[in-house]
Amino acid sequence: MSEWRPVAELSAFAGTNMVPLRIGELRLLLYKTSSGLYATARRCTHQAADLMRGYLDGDVIECPVHQGRFDIRTGKALSAPACEPLVTYEVRIVAERIELKIS
């Protein structure tokens, strides 16, 4: 069963467009782009590199190790060597609080 969980305040994005999160065993990244707020798994599906160290360009995150690219809106792998999608999470804002839908 999925539930909405508060994970951060909008103010967490002051001066940055990526915010790392840890929820239990989950390591996630929140992204703020001109098209909205998104959340994905924090590890690249190719070799588990930390995407927090990656390059965010619009709605695309690039892995800092082998430059695999992912669409953060859908998780879709966009370039080799990445071929498996990132897990994504639904995001909503409730009174300046960011919530994620987590199973």
PDB file of N, CA and C in Angstrom:
ATOM      1  N   MET A   1       0.836  -1.179   0.000  1.00  0.00           N
ATOM      2  CA  MET A   1       0.000   0.000   0.000  1.00  0.00           C
ATOM      3  C   MET A   1       0.883   1.246   0.000  1.00  0.00           C
ATOM      4  N   SER A   2       0.552   2.211  -0.833  1.00  0.00           N
ATOM      5  CA  SER A   2       1.315   3.453  -0.922  1.00  0.00           C
ATOM      6  C   SER A   2       0.709   4.506  -0.013  1.00  0.00           C
ATOM      7  N   GLU A   3       1.575   5.372   0.502  1.00  0.00           N
ATOM      8  CA  GLU A   3       1.105   6.473   1.327  1.00  0.00           C
ATOM      9  C   GLU A   3       1.943   7.706   1.047  1.00  0.00           C
ATOM     10  N   TRP A   4       1.346   8.870   1.230  1.00  0.00           N
ATOM     11  CA  TRP A   4       2.062  10.124   1.081  1.00  0.00           C
ATOM     12  C   TRP A   4       2.849  10.388   2.357  1.00  0.00           C
ATOM     13  N   ARG A   5       4.143  10.703   2.193  1.00  0.00           N
ATOM     14  CA  ARG A   5       4.996  10.972   3.349  1.00  0.00           C
ATOM     15  C   ARG A   5       5.680  12.318   3.189  1.00  0.00           C
ATOM     16  N   PRO A   6       5.637  13.172   4.208  1.00  0.00           N
ATOM     17  CA  PRO A   6       6.379  14.434   4.147  1.00  0.00           C
ATOM     18  C   PRO A   6       7.872  14.146   4.178  1.00  0.00           C
ATOM     19  N   VAL A   7       8.629  14.812   3.277  1.00  0.00           N
ATOM     20  CA  VAL A   7      10.062  14.525   3.195  1.00  0.00           C
ATOM     21  C   VAL A   7      10.940  15.769   3.299  1.00  0.00           C
ATOM     22  N   ALA A   8      10.393  16.938   2.996  1.00  0.00           N
ATOM     23  CA  ALA A   8      11.210  18.161   3.022  1.00  0.00           C
ATOM     24  C   ALA A   8      10.293  19.373   2.899  1.00  0.00           C
ATOM     25  N   GLU A   9      10.866  20.528   3.161  1.00  0.00           N
ATOM     26  CA  GLU A   9      10.189  21.796   2.935  1.00  0.00           C
ATOM     27  C   GLU A   9      10.690  22.368   1.613  1.00  0.00           C
ATOM     28  N   LEU A  10       9.878  23.183   0.952  1.00  0.00           N
ATOM     29  CA  LEU A  10      10.318  23.823  -0.286  1.00  0.00           C
ATOM     30  C   LEU A  10      11.597  24.629  -0.081  1.00  0.00           C
ATOM     31  N   SER A  11      11.783  25.155   1.111  1.00  0.00           N
ATOM     32  CA  SER A  11      12.981  25.951   1.404  1.00  0.00           C
ATOM     33  C   SER A  11      14.264  25.130   1.286  1.00  0.00           C
ATOM     34  N   ALA A  12      14.170  23.808   1.251  1.00  0.00           N
ATOM     35  CA  ALA A  12      15.356  22.960   1.087  1.00  0.00           C
ATOM     36  C   ALA A  12      16.056  23.230  -0.240  1.00  0.00           C
ATOM     37  N   PHE A  13      15.343  23.811  -1.203  1.00  0.00           N
ATOM     38  CA  PHE A  13      15.920  24.098  -2.511  1.00  0.00           C
ATOM     39  C   PHE A  13      16.606  25.457  -2.583  1.00  0.00           C
ATOM     40  N   ALA A  14      16.741  26.153  -1.470  1.00  0.00           N
ATOM     41  CA  ALA A  14      17.425  27.449  -1.481  1.00  0.00           C
ATOM     42  C   ALA A  14      18.864  27.262  -1.966  1.00  0.00           C
ATOM     43  N   GLY A  15      19.178  27.829  -3.111  1.00  0.00           N
ATOM     44  CA  GLY A  15      20.535  27.770  -3.640  1.00  0.00           C
ATOM     45  C   GLY A  15      20.915  26.486  -4.344  1.00  0.00           C
ATOM     46  N   THR A  16      19.974  25.562  -4.528  1.00  0.00           N
ATOM     47  CA  THR A  16      20.293  24.297  -5.205  1.00  0.00           C
ATOM     48  C   THR A  16      19.070  23.805  -5.972  1.00  0.00           C
ATOM     49  N   ASN A  17      19.278  22.880  -6.886  1.00  0.00           N
ATOM     50  CA  ASN A  17      18.151  22.282  -7.616  1.00  0.00           C
ATOM     51  C   ASN A  17      18.057  20.772  -7.389  1.00  0.00           C
ATOM     52  N   MET A  18      18.923  20.220  -6.495  1.00  0.00           N
ATOM     53  CA  MET A  18      18.849  18.808  -6.129  1.00  0.00           C
ATOM     54  C   MET A  18      19.007  18.682  -4.615  1.00  0.00           C
ATOM     55  N   VAL A  19      18.138  17.874  -4.008  1.00  0.00           N
ATOM     56  CA  VAL A  19      18.175  17.659  -2.563  1.00  0.00           C
ATOM     57  C   VAL A  19      18.201  16.155  -2.304  1.00  0.00           C
ATOM     58  N   PRO A  20      19.244  15.651  -1.626  1.00  0.00           N
ATOM     59  CA  PRO A  20      19.298  14.219  -1.303  1.00  0.00           C
ATOM     60  C   PRO A  20      18.396  13.901  -0.115  1.00  0.00           C
ATOM     61  N   LEU A  21      17.813  12.709  -0.130  1.00  0.00           N
ATOM     62  CA  LEU A  21      16.943  12.252   0.953  1.00  0.00           C
ATOM     63  C   LEU A  21      17.296  10.822   1.331  1.00  0.00           C
ATOM     64  N   ARG A  22      17.066  10.505   2.588  1.00  0.00           N
ATOM     65  CA  ARG A  22      17.135   9.120   3.037  1.00  0.00           C
ATOM     66  C   ARG A  22      15.849   8.855   3.801  1.00  0.00           C
ATOM     67  N   ILE A  23      15.095   7.858   3.346  1.00  0.00           N
ATOM     68  CA  ILE A  23      13.846   7.464   3.993  1.00  0.00           C
ATOM     69  C   ILE A  23      13.978   5.977   4.287  1.00  0.00           C
ATOM     70  N   GLY A  24      14.288   5.655   5.525  1.00  0.00           N
ATOM     71  CA  GLY A  24      14.577   4.267   5.858  1.00  0.00           C
ATOM     72  C   GLY A  24      15.776   3.816   5.054  1.00  0.00           C
ATOM     73  N   GLU A  25      15.603   2.755   4.289  1.00  0.00           N
ATOM     74  CA  GLU A  25      16.684   2.237   3.444  1.00  0.00           C
ATOM     75  C   GLU A  25      16.742   2.912   2.074  1.00  0.00           C
ATOM     76  N   LEU A  26      15.742   3.698   1.740  1.00  0.00           N
ATOM     77  CA  LEU A  26      15.703   4.360   0.433  1.00  0.00           C
ATOM     78  C   LEU A  26      16.620   5.574   0.399  1.00  0.00           C
ATOM     79  N   ARG A  27      17.406   5.674  -0.670  1.00  0.00           N
ATOM     80  CA  ARG A  27      18.211   6.869  -0.928  1.00  0.00           C
ATOM     81  C   ARG A  27      17.654   7.497  -2.188  1.00  0.00           C
ATOM     82  N   LEU A  28      17.135   8.712  -2.046  1.00  0.00           N
ATOM     83  CA  LEU A  28      16.429   9.383  -3.130  1.00  0.00           C
ATOM     84  C   LEU A  28      17.028  10.741  -3.426  1.00  0.00           C
ATOM     85  N   LEU A  29      16.629  11.291  -4.578  1.00  0.00           N
ATOM     86  CA  LEU A  29      16.959  12.666  -4.932  1.00  0.00           C
ATOM     87  C   LEU A  29      15.686  13.392  -5.298  1.00  0.00           C
ATOM     88  N   LEU A  30      15.537  14.592  -4.759  1.00  0.00           N
ATOM     89  CA  LEU A  30      14.487  15.506  -5.192  1.00  0.00           C
ATOM     90  C   LEU A  30      15.119  16.479  -6.169  1.00  0.00           C
ATOM     91  N   TYR A  31      14.378  16.829  -7.214  1.00  0.00           N
ATOM     92  CA  TYR A  31      14.866  17.769  -8.216  1.00  0.00           C
ATOM     93  C   TYR A  31      13.843  18.882  -8.368  1.00  0.00           C
ATOM     94  N   LYS A  32      14.338  20.093  -8.564  1.00  0.00           N
ATOM     95  CA  LYS A  32      13.475  21.223  -8.882  1.00  0.00           C
ATOM     96  C   LYS A  32      13.951  21.787 -10.213  1.00  0.00           C
ATOM     97  N   THR A  33      13.066  21.734 -11.222  1.00  0.00           N
ATOM     98  CA  THR A  33      13.395  22.258 -12.545  1.00  0.00           C
ATOM     99  C   THR A  33      12.303  23.239 -12.959  1.00  0.00           C
ATOM    100  N   SER A  34      12.467  23.848 -14.093  1.00  0.00           N
ATOM    101  CA  SER A  34      11.455  24.792 -14.567  1.00  0.00           C
ATOM    102  C   SER A  34      10.125  24.103 -14.862  1.00  0.00           C
ATOM    103  N   SER A  35      10.126  22.792 -15.039  1.00  0.00           N
ATOM    104  CA  SER A  35       8.875  22.084 -15.321  1.00  0.00           C
ATOM    105  C   SER A  35       8.225  21.480 -14.078  1.00  0.00           C
ATOM    106  N   GLY A  36       8.914  21.517 -12.907  1.00  0.00           N
ATOM    107  CA  GLY A  36       8.276  21.014 -11.700  1.00  0.00           C
ATOM    108  C   GLY A  36       9.235  20.365 -10.729  1.00  0.00           C
ATOM    109  N   LEU A  37       8.653  19.644  -9.766  1.00  0.00           N
ATOM    110  CA  LEU A  37       9.411  18.889  -8.770  1.00  0.00           C
ATOM    111  C   LEU A  37       9.320  17.405  -9.096  1.00  0.00           C
ATOM    112  N   TYR A  38      10.450  16.698  -8.952  1.00  0.00           N
ATOM    113  CA  TYR A  38      10.511  15.281  -9.277  1.00  0.00           C
ATOM    114  C   TYR A  38      11.340  14.561  -8.226  1.00  0.00           C
ATOM    115  N   ALA A  39      11.163  13.259  -8.144  1.00  0.00           N
ATOM    116  CA  ALA A  39      11.947  12.441  -7.219  1.00  0.00           C
ATOM    117  C   ALA A  39      12.283  11.118  -7.886  1.00  0.00           C
ATOM    118  N   THR A  40      13.551  10.707  -7.720  1.00  0.00           N
ATOM    119  CA  THR A  40      14.002   9.422  -8.255  1.00  0.00           C
ATOM    120  C   THR A  40      14.900   8.739  -7.228  1.00  0.00           C
ATOM    121  N   ALA A  41      15.226   7.488  -7.526  1.00  0.00           N
ATOM    122  CA  ALA A  41      16.284   6.810  -6.781  1.00  0.00           C
ATOM    123  C   ALA A  41      17.563   7.607  -6.983  1.00  0.00           C
ATOM    124  N   ARG A  42      18.443   7.540  -5.999  1.00  0.00           N
ATOM    125  CA  ARG A  42      19.671   8.342  -6.039  1.00  0.00           C
ATOM    126  C   ARG A  42      20.814   7.642  -6.764  1.00  0.00           C
ATOM    127  N   ARG A  43      20.739   6.346  -6.949  1.00  0.00           N
ATOM    128  CA  ARG A  43      21.831   5.575  -7.548  1.00  0.00           C
ATOM    129  C   ARG A  43      21.567   5.290  -9.019  1.00  0.00           C
ATOM    130  N   CYS A  44      22.584   5.471  -9.842  1.00  0.00           N
ATOM    131  CA  CYS A  44      22.512   5.133 -11.261  1.00  0.00           C
ATOM    132  C   CYS A  44      22.263   3.632 -11.394  1.00  0.00           C
ATOM    133  N   THR A  45      21.434   3.251 -12.332  1.00  0.00           N
ATOM    134  CA  THR A  45      21.120   1.838 -12.532  1.00  0.00           C
ATOM    135  C   THR A  45      22.236   1.086 -13.262  1.00  0.00           C
ATOM    136  N   HIS A  46      23.199   1.800 -13.795  1.00  0.00           N
ATOM    137  CA  HIS A  46      24.296   1.139 -14.505  1.00  0.00           C
ATOM    138  C   HIS A  46      25.336   0.582 -13.537  1.00  0.00           C
ATOM    139  N   GLN A  47      25.908   1.425 -12.671  1.00  0.00           N
ATOM    140  CA  GLN A  47      26.915   0.940 -11.721  1.00  0.00           C
ATOM    141  C   GLN A  47      26.785   1.599 -10.355  1.00  0.00           C
ATOM    142  N   ALA A  48      25.586   1.978  -9.987  1.00  0.00           N
ATOM    143  CA  ALA A  48      25.278   2.491  -8.646  1.00  0.00           C
ATOM    144  C   ALA A  48      26.027   3.760  -8.262  1.00  0.00           C
ATOM    145  N   ALA A  49      26.435   4.559  -9.238  1.00  0.00           N
ATOM    146  CA  ALA A  49      27.077   5.843  -8.927  1.00  0.00           C
ATOM    147  C   ALA A  49      26.058   6.778  -8.293  1.00  0.00           C
ATOM    148  N   ASP A  50      26.529   7.678  -7.463  1.00  0.00           N
ATOM    149  CA  ASP A  50      25.680   8.636  -6.767  1.00  0.00           C
ATOM    150  C   ASP A  50      25.282   9.772  -7.710  1.00  0.00           C
ATOM    151  N   LEU A  51      24.010   9.828  -8.072  1.00  0.00           N
ATOM    152  CA  LEU A  51      23.537  10.852  -9.003  1.00  0.00           C
ATOM    153  C   LEU A  51      23.556  12.252  -8.408  1.00  0.00           C
ATOM    154  N   MET A  52      23.683  12.369  -7.093  1.00  0.00           N
ATOM    155  CA  MET A  52      23.808  13.685  -6.473  1.00  0.00           C
ATOM    156  C   MET A  52      25.047  14.393  -7.010  1.00  0.00           C
ATOM    157  N   ARG A  53      26.047  13.642  -7.412  1.00  0.00           N
ATOM    158  CA  ARG A  53      27.265  14.208  -7.989  1.00  0.00           C
ATOM    159  C   ARG A  53      27.141  14.383  -9.497  1.00  0.00           C
ATOM    160  N   GLY A  54      25.976  14.053 -10.050  1.00  0.00           N
ATOM    161  CA  GLY A  54      25.764  14.153 -11.489  1.00  0.00           C
ATOM    162  C   GLY A  54      25.434  15.565 -11.935  1.00  0.00           C
ATOM    163  N   TYR A  55      25.177  15.699 -13.229  1.00  0.00           N
ATOM    164  CA  TYR A  55      24.890  16.995 -13.848  1.00  0.00           C
ATOM    165  C   TYR A  55      23.423  17.029 -14.252  1.00  0.00           C
ATOM    166  N   LEU A  56      22.674  17.983 -13.709  1.00  0.00           N
ATOM    167  CA  LEU A  56      21.266  18.149 -14.046  1.00  0.00           C
ATOM    168  C   LEU A  56      21.139  19.205 -15.126  1.00  0.00           C
ATOM    169  N   ASP A  57      20.541  18.827 -16.244  1.00  0.00           N
ATOM    170  CA  ASP A  57      20.325  19.740 -17.369  1.00  0.00           C
ATOM    171  C   ASP A  57      18.853  19.676 -17.734  1.00  0.00           C
ATOM    172  N   GLY A  58      18.078  20.668 -17.304  1.00  0.00           N
ATOM    173  CA  GLY A  58      16.641  20.626 -17.525  1.00  0.00           C
ATOM    174  C   GLY A  58      16.043  19.472 -16.748  1.00  0.00           C
ATOM    175  N   ASP A  59      15.395  18.551 -17.449  1.00  0.00           N
ATOM    176  CA  ASP A  59      14.772  17.387 -16.823  1.00  0.00           C
ATOM    177  C   ASP A  59      15.594  16.117 -17.015  1.00  0.00           C
ATOM    178  N   VAL A  60      16.892  16.270 -17.259  1.00  0.00           N
ATOM    179  CA  VAL A  60      17.777  15.130 -17.500  1.00  0.00           C
ATOM    180  C   VAL A  60      18.936  15.163 -16.502  1.00  0.00           C
ATOM    181  N   ILE A  61      19.143  14.031 -15.822  1.00  0.00           N
ATOM    182  CA  ILE A  61      20.299  13.889 -14.932  1.00  0.00           C
ATOM    183  C   ILE A  61      21.315  12.996 -15.627  1.00  0.00           C
ATOM    184  N   GLU A  62      22.584  13.417 -15.577  1.00  0.00           N
ATOM    185  CA  GLU A  62      23.670  12.647 -16.182  1.00  0.00           C
ATOM    186  C   GLU A  62      24.539  12.052 -15.081  1.00  0.00           C
ATOM    187  N   CYS A  63      24.791  10.777 -15.178  1.00  0.00           N
ATOM    188  CA  CYS A  63      25.621  10.073 -14.203  1.00  0.00           C
ATOM    189  C   CYS A  63      27.049  10.628 -14.244  1.00  0.00           C
ATOM    190  N   PRO A  64      27.650  10.855 -13.068  1.00  0.00           N
ATOM    191  CA  PRO A  64      28.997  11.420 -13.044  1.00  0.00           C
ATOM    192  C   PRO A  64      30.100  10.432 -13.421  1.00  0.00           C
ATOM    193  N   VAL A  65      29.786   9.145 -13.519  1.00  0.00           N
ATOM    194  CA  VAL A  65      30.819   8.147 -13.784  1.00  0.00           C
ATOM    195  C   VAL A  65      30.927   7.802 -15.273  1.00  0.00           C
ATOM    196  N   HIS A  66      29.842   7.332 -15.874  1.00  0.00           N
ATOM    197  CA  HIS A  66      29.897   6.913 -17.278  1.00  0.00           C
ATOM    198  C   HIS A  66      28.971   7.711 -18.184  1.00  0.00           C
ATOM    199  N   GLN A  67      28.418   8.797 -17.689  1.00  0.00           N
ATOM    200  CA  GLN A  67      27.592   9.728 -18.452  1.00  0.00           C
ATOM    201  C   GLN A  67      26.289   9.142 -19.006  1.00  0.00           C
ATOM    202  N   GLY A  68      25.798   8.075 -18.386  1.00  0.00           N
ATOM    203  CA  GLY A  68      24.448   7.625 -18.726  1.00  0.00           C
ATOM    204  C   GLY A  68      23.471   8.729 -18.334  1.00  0.00           C
ATOM    205  N   ARG A  69      22.404   8.898 -19.094  1.00  0.00           N
ATOM    206  CA  ARG A  69      21.461   9.985 -18.847  1.00  0.00           C
ATOM    207  C   ARG A  69      20.064   9.426 -18.628  1.00  0.00           C
ATOM    208  N   PHE A  70      19.303  10.103 -17.741  1.00  0.00           N
ATOM    209  CA  PHE A  70      17.951   9.683 -17.392  1.00  0.00           C
ATOM    210  C   PHE A  70      17.004  10.869 -17.406  1.00  0.00           C
ATOM    211  N   ASP A  71      15.780  10.630 -17.861  1.00  0.00           N
ATOM    212  CA  ASP A  71      14.717  11.618 -17.763  1.00  0.00           C
ATOM    213  C   ASP A  71      14.158  11.529 -16.342  1.00  0.00           C
ATOM    214  N   ILE A  72      14.295  12.584 -15.551  1.00  0.00           N
ATOM    215  CA  ILE A  72      13.859  12.529 -14.155  1.00  0.00           C
ATOM    216  C   ILE A  72      12.339  12.529 -14.011  1.00  0.00           C
ATOM    217  N   ARG A  73      11.625  12.885 -15.064  1.00  0.00           N
ATOM    218  CA  ARG A  73      10.156  12.876 -14.997  1.00  0.00           C
ATOM    219  C   ARG A  73       9.608  11.459 -15.072  1.00  0.00           C
ATOM    220  N   THR A  74      10.289  10.588 -15.821  1.00  0.00           N
ATOM    221  CA  THR A  74       9.793   9.228 -16.056  1.00  0.00           C
ATOM    222  C   THR A  74      10.749   8.150 -15.562  1.00  0.00           C
ATOM    223  N   GLY A  75      12.018   8.518 -15.346  1.00  0.00           N
ATOM    224  CA  GLY A  75      13.050   7.553 -14.990  1.00  0.00           C
ATOM    225  C   GLY A  75      13.697   6.884 -16.188  1.00  0.00           C
ATOM    226  N   LYS A  76      13.185   7.117 -17.381  1.00  0.00           N
ATOM    227  CA  LYS A  76      13.666   6.445 -18.588  1.00  0.00           C
ATOM    228  C   LYS A  76      15.153   6.703 -18.830  1.00  0.00           C
ATOM    229  N   ALA A  77      15.893   5.621 -19.101  1.00  0.00           N
ATOM    230  CA  ALA A  77      17.299   5.728 -19.484  1.00  0.00           C
ATOM    231  C   ALA A  77      17.359   6.281 -20.912  1.00  0.00           C
ATOM    232  N   LEU A  78      18.148   7.340 -21.098  1.00  0.00           N
ATOM    233  CA  LEU A  78      18.201   8.020 -22.390  1.00  0.00           C
ATOM    234  C   LEU A  78      19.464   7.740 -23.190  1.00  0.00           C
ATOM    235  N   SER A  79      20.514   7.264 -22.513  1.00  0.00           N
ATOM    236  CA  SER A  79      21.754   7.011 -23.256  1.00  0.00           C
ATOM    237  C   SER A  79      22.567   5.922 -22.565  1.00  0.00           C
ATOM    238  N   ALA A  80      23.326   5.195 -23.391  1.00  0.00           N
ATOM    239  CA  ALA A  80      24.205   4.143 -22.886  1.00  0.00           C
ATOM    240  C   ALA A  80      25.305   4.793 -22.052  1.00  0.00           C
ATOM    241  N   PRO A  81      25.831   4.061 -21.090  1.00  0.00           N
ATOM    242  CA  PRO A  81      25.619   2.650 -20.834  1.00  0.00           C
ATOM    243  C   PRO A  81      24.367   2.352 -20.008  1.00  0.00           C
ATOM    244  N   ALA A  82      23.659   3.368 -19.554  1.00  0.00           N
ATOM    245  CA  ALA A  82      22.437   3.125 -18.779  1.00  0.00           C
ATOM    246  C   ALA A  82      21.355   2.559 -19.688  1.00  0.00           C
ATOM    247  N   CYS A  83      20.713   1.474 -19.248  1.00  0.00           N
ATOM    248  CA  CYS A  83      19.613   0.911 -20.028  1.00  0.00           C
ATOM    249  C   CYS A  83      18.397   0.616 -19.155  1.00  0.00           C
ATOM    250  N   GLU A  84      18.596   0.502 -17.840  1.00  0.00           N
ATOM    251  CA  GLU A  84      17.482   0.278 -16.909  1.00  0.00           C
ATOM    252  C   GLU A  84      16.997   1.628 -16.393  1.00  0.00           C
ATOM    253  N   PRO A  85      15.689   1.818 -16.291  1.00  0.00           N
ATOM    254  CA  PRO A  85      15.169   3.109 -15.809  1.00  0.00           C
ATOM    255  C   PRO A  85      15.401   3.298 -14.314  1.00  0.00           C
ATOM    256  N   LEU A  86      15.401   4.559 -13.898  1.00  0.00           N
ATOM    257  CA  LEU A  86      15.427   4.898 -12.472  1.00  0.00           C
ATOM    258  C   LEU A  86      14.026   4.721 -11.904  1.00  0.00           C
ATOM    259  N   VAL A  87      13.937   4.333 -10.652  1.00  0.00           N
ATOM    260  CA  VAL A  87      12.647   4.324  -9.965  1.00  0.00           C
ATOM    261  C   VAL A  87      12.269   5.781  -9.707  1.00  0.00           C
ATOM    262  N   THR A  88      11.026   6.125  -9.983  1.00  0.00           N
ATOM    263  CA  THR A  88      10.537   7.481  -9.742  1.00  0.00           C
ATOM    264  C   THR A  88       9.433   7.445  -8.689  1.00  0.00           C
ATOM    265  N   TYR A  89       9.170   8.595  -8.106  1.00  0.00           N
ATOM    266  CA  TYR A  89       8.162   8.724  -7.050  1.00  0.00           C
ATOM    267  C   TYR A  89       7.283   9.923  -7.343  1.00  0.00           C
ATOM    268  N   GLU A  90       5.982   9.775  -7.073  1.00  0.00           N
ATOM    269  CA  GLU A  90       5.068  10.898  -7.222  1.00  0.00           C
ATOM    270  C   GLU A  90       5.384  11.947  -6.167  1.00  0.00           C
ATOM    271  N   VAL A  91       5.282  13.217  -6.563  1.00  0.00           N
ATOM    272  CA  VAL A  91       5.590  14.334  -5.678  1.00  0.00           C
ATOM    273  C   VAL A  91       4.374  15.253  -5.618  1.00  0.00           C
ATOM    274  N   ARG A  92       4.100  15.777  -4.423  1.00  0.00           N
ATOM    275  CA  ARG A  92       3.088  16.815  -4.284  1.00  0.00           C
ATOM    276  C   ARG A  92       3.559  17.802  -3.225  1.00  0.00           C
ATOM    277  N   ILE A  93       2.965  18.997  -3.280  1.00  0.00           N
ATOM    278  CA  ILE A  93       3.271  20.040  -2.313  1.00  0.00           C
ATOM    279  C   ILE A  93       2.012  20.328  -1.514  1.00  0.00           C
ATOM    280  N   VAL A  94       2.150  20.311  -0.192  1.00  0.00           N
ATOM    281  CA  VAL A  94       1.052  20.624   0.716  1.00  0.00           C
ATOM    282  C   VAL A  94       1.563  21.693   1.677  1.00  0.00           C
ATOM    283  N   ALA A  95       1.065  22.924   1.514  1.00  0.00           N
ATOM    284  CA  ALA A  95       1.433  24.030   2.409  1.00  0.00           C
ATOM    285  C   ALA A  95       2.940  24.156   2.599  1.00  0.00           C
ATOM    286  N   GLU A  96       3.702  24.291   1.495  1.00  0.00           N
ATOM    287  CA  GLU A  96       5.157  24.459   1.519  1.00  0.00           C
ATOM    288  C   GLU A  96       5.933  23.203   1.910  1.00  0.00           C
ATOM    289  N   ARG A  97       5.228  22.102   2.126  1.00  0.00           N
ATOM    290  CA  ARG A  97       5.875  20.829   2.483  1.00  0.00           C
ATOM    291  C   ARG A  97       5.847  19.912   1.255  1.00  0.00           C
ATOM    292  N   ILE A  98       6.976  19.274   0.971  1.00  0.00           N
ATOM    293  CA  ILE A  98       7.071  18.328  -0.142  1.00  0.00           C
ATOM    294  C   ILE A  98       6.744  16.946   0.394  1.00  0.00           C
ATOM    295  N   GLU A  99       5.834  16.252  -0.304  1.00  0.00           N
ATOM    296  CA  GLU A  99       5.465  14.894   0.079  1.00  0.00           C
ATOM    297  C   GLU A  99       5.698  13.964  -1.098  1.00  0.00           C
ATOM    298  N   LEU A 100       6.104  12.726  -0.787  1.00  0.00           N
ATOM    299  CA  LEU A 100       6.298  11.685  -1.803  1.00  0.00           C
ATOM    300  C   LEU A 100       5.356  10.536  -1.538  1.00  0.00           C
ATOM    301  N   LYS A 101       4.899   9.898  -2.600  1.00  0.00           N
ATOM    302  CA  LYS A 101       4.096   8.692  -2.477  1.00  0.00           C
ATOM    303  C   LYS A 101       5.040   7.504  -2.463  1.00  0.00           C
ATOM    304  N   ILE A 102       5.087   6.809  -1.326  1.00  0.00           N
ATOM    305  CA  ILE A 102       6.042   5.726  -1.124  1.00  0.00           C
ATOM    306  C   ILE A 102       5.300   4.458  -0.751  1.00  0.00           C
ATOM    307  N   SER A 103       5.685   3.360  -1.370  1.00  0.00           N
ATOM    308  CA  SER A 103       5.081   2.066  -1.076  1.00  0.00           C
ATOM    309  C   SER A 103       5.628   1.501   0.206  1.00  0.00           C
TER     310      SER A 103
END
